[in-house]
């Protein structure tokens, strides 16, 4: 019984590495960074009173969401 538990505990790091390698792909990281960038730009645009930065944020968001971008 103890050997089975020890074997299961020994496998846990390999399982986590396998899961992380499937999650952390270039496409996934790009999507996360795009969302962080857009969210940050929107919050920064709210701090000003002009509309130039608001239009810029809309243009950037539109460009990032285009297929093939």
N, C-alpha and C. Protein backbone atom coordinates (compact mmCIF):
# COMPACT_ATOMS: atom_id res chain seq x y z
N UNK A 1 0.83 -1.20 0.00
CA UNK A 1 0.00 0.00 0.00
C UNK A 1 0.86 1.25 0.00
N UNK A 2 1.91 1.26 0.83
CA UNK A 2 2.79 2.41 0.93
C UNK A 2 3.54 2.66 -0.37
N UNK A 3 3.87 1.59 -1.08
CA UNK A 3 4.60 1.74 -2.35
C UNK A 3 3.71 2.39 -3.41
N UNK A 4 2.44 2.07 -3.40
CA UNK A 4 1.50 2.66 -4.37
C UNK A 4 1.36 4.16 -4.12
N UNK A 5 1.23 4.53 -2.86
CA UNK A 5 1.09 5.94 -2.51
C UNK A 5 2.38 6.69 -2.88
N UNK A 6 3.52 6.09 -2.59
CA UNK A 6 4.80 6.72 -2.91
C UNK A 6 4.95 6.91 -4.42
N UNK A 7 4.51 5.93 -5.19
CA UNK A 7 4.59 6.03 -6.65
C UNK A 7 3.66 7.14 -7.16
N UNK A 8 2.48 7.24 -6.56
CA UNK A 8 1.54 8.28 -6.98
C UNK A 8 2.08 9.67 -6.65
N UNK A 9 2.69 9.81 -5.50
CA UNK A 9 3.25 11.10 -5.10
C UNK A 9 4.43 11.46 -6.01
N UNK A 10 5.20 10.47 -6.42
CA UNK A 10 6.35 10.72 -7.29
C UNK A 10 5.92 11.17 -8.68
N UNK A 11 4.73 10.81 -9.10
CA UNK A 11 4.25 11.15 -10.44
C UNK A 11 3.64 12.56 -10.49
N UNK A 12 3.26 13.12 -9.37
CA UNK A 12 2.56 14.41 -9.33
C UNK A 12 3.33 15.52 -10.06
N UNK A 13 4.65 15.70 -9.85
CA UNK A 13 5.34 16.78 -10.59
C UNK A 13 5.25 16.59 -12.11
N UNK A 14 5.35 15.35 -12.59
CA UNK A 14 5.25 15.10 -14.02
C UNK A 14 3.87 15.44 -14.55
N UNK A 15 2.85 15.19 -13.76
CA UNK A 15 1.48 15.50 -14.17
C UNK A 15 1.32 17.02 -14.30
N UNK A 16 1.81 17.77 -13.32
CA UNK A 16 1.70 19.23 -13.37
C UNK A 16 2.48 19.80 -14.55
N UNK A 17 3.65 19.27 -14.83
CA UNK A 17 4.43 19.73 -15.97
C UNK A 17 3.69 19.44 -17.27
N UNK A 18 3.06 18.28 -17.37
CA UNK A 18 2.29 17.94 -18.56
C UNK A 18 1.11 18.87 -18.76
N UNK A 19 0.41 19.19 -17.67
CA UNK A 19 -0.73 20.10 -17.76
C UNK A 19 -0.28 21.50 -18.16
N UNK A 20 0.78 22.00 -17.55
CA UNK A 20 1.29 23.33 -17.88
C UNK A 20 1.77 23.41 -19.32
N UNK A 21 2.40 22.35 -19.80
CA UNK A 21 2.89 22.40 -21.19
C UNK A 21 1.74 22.44 -22.18
N UNK A 22 0.59 21.89 -21.82
CA UNK A 22 -0.57 21.95 -22.70
C UNK A 22 -1.26 23.31 -22.62
N UNK A 23 -1.21 23.95 -21.46
CA UNK A 23 -1.86 25.24 -21.27
C UNK A 23 -1.04 26.39 -21.83
N UNK A 24 0.24 26.37 -21.58
CA UNK A 24 1.09 27.50 -21.93
C UNK A 24 1.63 27.30 -23.35
N UNK A 25 0.84 27.72 -24.30
CA UNK A 25 1.26 27.68 -25.69
C UNK A 25 1.39 29.11 -26.19
N UNK A 26 1.99 29.27 -27.34
CA UNK A 26 2.18 30.62 -27.89
C UNK A 26 0.84 31.30 -28.13
N UNK A 27 -0.12 30.55 -28.66
CA UNK A 27 -1.43 31.13 -28.95
C UNK A 27 -2.13 31.56 -27.67
N UNK A 28 -2.05 30.74 -26.63
CA UNK A 28 -2.66 31.06 -25.35
C UNK A 28 -2.03 32.32 -24.74
N UNK A 29 -0.70 32.36 -24.73
CA UNK A 29 -0.02 33.52 -24.16
C UNK A 29 -0.32 34.79 -24.94
N UNK A 30 -0.40 34.67 -26.25
CA UNK A 30 -0.72 35.84 -27.06
C UNK A 30 -2.11 36.36 -26.73
N UNK A 31 -3.08 35.46 -26.59
CA UNK A 31 -4.44 35.87 -26.27
C UNK A 31 -4.50 36.55 -24.90
N UNK A 32 -3.78 36.01 -23.93
CA UNK A 32 -3.77 36.61 -22.59
C UNK A 32 -3.13 37.99 -22.63
N UNK A 33 -2.01 38.12 -23.31
CA UNK A 33 -1.33 39.42 -23.38
C UNK A 33 -2.17 40.45 -24.11
N UNK A 34 -2.88 40.04 -25.15
CA UNK A 34 -3.77 40.97 -25.86
C UNK A 34 -4.87 41.47 -24.94
N UNK A 35 -5.45 40.58 -24.16
CA UNK A 35 -6.52 40.99 -23.25
C UNK A 35 -5.99 41.94 -22.17
N UNK A 36 -4.81 41.65 -21.65
CA UNK A 36 -4.21 42.51 -20.64
C UNK A 36 -3.91 43.89 -21.23
N UNK A 37 -3.37 43.91 -22.45
CA UNK A 37 -3.05 45.17 -23.11
C UNK A 37 -4.30 46.01 -23.34
N UNK A 38 -5.35 45.40 -23.87
CA UNK A 38 -6.59 46.13 -24.15
C UNK A 38 -7.22 46.65 -22.87
N UNK A 39 -7.24 45.82 -21.84
CA UNK A 39 -7.82 46.25 -20.56
C UNK A 39 -7.04 47.42 -19.98
N UNK A 40 -5.72 47.35 -20.02
CA UNK A 40 -4.90 48.44 -19.51
C UNK A 40 -5.08 49.72 -20.31
N UNK A 41 -5.14 49.59 -21.64
CA UNK A 41 -5.35 50.78 -22.47
C UNK A 41 -6.70 51.42 -22.21
N UNK A 42 -7.74 50.61 -22.03
CA UNK A 42 -9.07 51.16 -21.76
C UNK A 42 -9.09 51.91 -20.44
N UNK A 43 -8.45 51.34 -19.42
CA UNK A 43 -8.41 52.02 -18.13
C UNK A 43 -7.61 53.30 -18.19
N UNK A 44 -6.51 53.30 -18.95
CA UNK A 44 -5.70 54.50 -19.09
C UNK A 44 -6.46 55.57 -19.87
N UNK A 45 -7.24 55.16 -20.87
CA UNK A 45 -8.00 56.13 -21.67
C UNK A 45 -9.08 56.81 -20.84
N UNK A 46 -9.59 56.12 -19.84
CA UNK A 46 -10.61 56.73 -18.98
C UNK A 46 -10.06 57.87 -18.12
N UNK A 47 -8.75 57.92 -17.95
CA UNK A 47 -8.14 58.93 -17.10
C UNK A 47 -8.02 60.29 -17.78
N UNK A 48 -8.21 60.33 -19.09
CA UNK A 48 -8.06 61.60 -19.80
C UNK A 48 -9.43 62.14 -20.21
N UNK A 49 -9.42 63.41 -20.62
CA UNK A 49 -10.68 64.04 -21.01
C UNK A 49 -10.84 64.14 -22.52
N UNK A 50 -9.78 63.84 -23.29
CA UNK A 50 -9.91 63.94 -24.75
C UNK A 50 -10.35 62.60 -25.34
N UNK A 51 -10.70 62.62 -26.61
CA UNK A 51 -11.19 61.40 -27.26
C UNK A 51 -10.16 60.76 -28.17
N UNK A 52 -9.00 61.39 -28.30
CA UNK A 52 -7.96 60.83 -29.19
C UNK A 52 -7.52 59.46 -28.69
N UNK A 53 -7.26 59.35 -27.41
CA UNK A 53 -6.82 58.07 -26.88
C UNK A 53 -7.94 57.03 -26.90
N UNK A 54 -9.17 57.47 -26.74
CA UNK A 54 -10.29 56.53 -26.83
C UNK A 54 -10.37 55.93 -28.23
N UNK A 55 -10.21 56.78 -29.25
CA UNK A 55 -10.23 56.29 -30.62
C UNK A 55 -9.05 55.37 -30.90
N UNK A 56 -7.90 55.69 -30.34
CA UNK A 56 -6.72 54.86 -30.52
C UNK A 56 -6.92 53.47 -29.92
N UNK A 57 -7.52 53.42 -28.74
CA UNK A 57 -7.79 52.13 -28.09
C UNK A 57 -8.76 51.30 -28.94
N UNK A 58 -9.78 51.93 -29.48
CA UNK A 58 -10.73 51.22 -30.34
C UNK A 58 -10.03 50.68 -31.57
N UNK A 59 -9.15 51.49 -32.18
CA UNK A 59 -8.41 51.04 -33.36
C UNK A 59 -7.49 49.87 -33.04
N UNK A 60 -6.79 49.96 -31.92
CA UNK A 60 -5.89 48.87 -31.53
C UNK A 60 -6.68 47.60 -31.26
N UNK A 61 -7.79 47.71 -30.55
CA UNK A 61 -8.60 46.54 -30.24
C UNK A 61 -9.14 45.90 -31.52
N UNK A 62 -9.60 46.73 -32.44
CA UNK A 62 -10.13 46.23 -33.71
C UNK A 62 -9.03 45.49 -34.49
N UNK A 63 -7.83 46.07 -34.50
CA UNK A 63 -6.72 45.48 -35.24
C UNK A 63 -6.31 44.14 -34.63
N UNK A 64 -6.30 44.05 -33.31
CA UNK A 64 -5.90 42.80 -32.66
C UNK A 64 -6.94 41.70 -32.86
N UNK A 65 -8.19 42.07 -33.06
CA UNK A 65 -9.25 41.07 -33.22
C UNK A 65 -9.45 40.64 -34.67
N UNK A 66 -8.75 41.30 -35.60
CA UNK A 66 -8.86 40.92 -37.01
C UNK A 66 -8.28 39.53 -37.22
N UNK A 67 -8.93 38.71 -38.04
CA UNK A 67 -8.34 37.39 -38.35
C UNK A 67 -7.01 37.56 -39.08
N UNK A 68 -6.06 36.78 -38.70
CA UNK A 68 -4.74 36.85 -39.33
C UNK A 68 -3.85 37.93 -38.79
N UNK A 69 -4.32 38.65 -37.77
CA UNK A 69 -3.49 39.73 -37.20
C UNK A 69 -2.47 39.17 -36.25
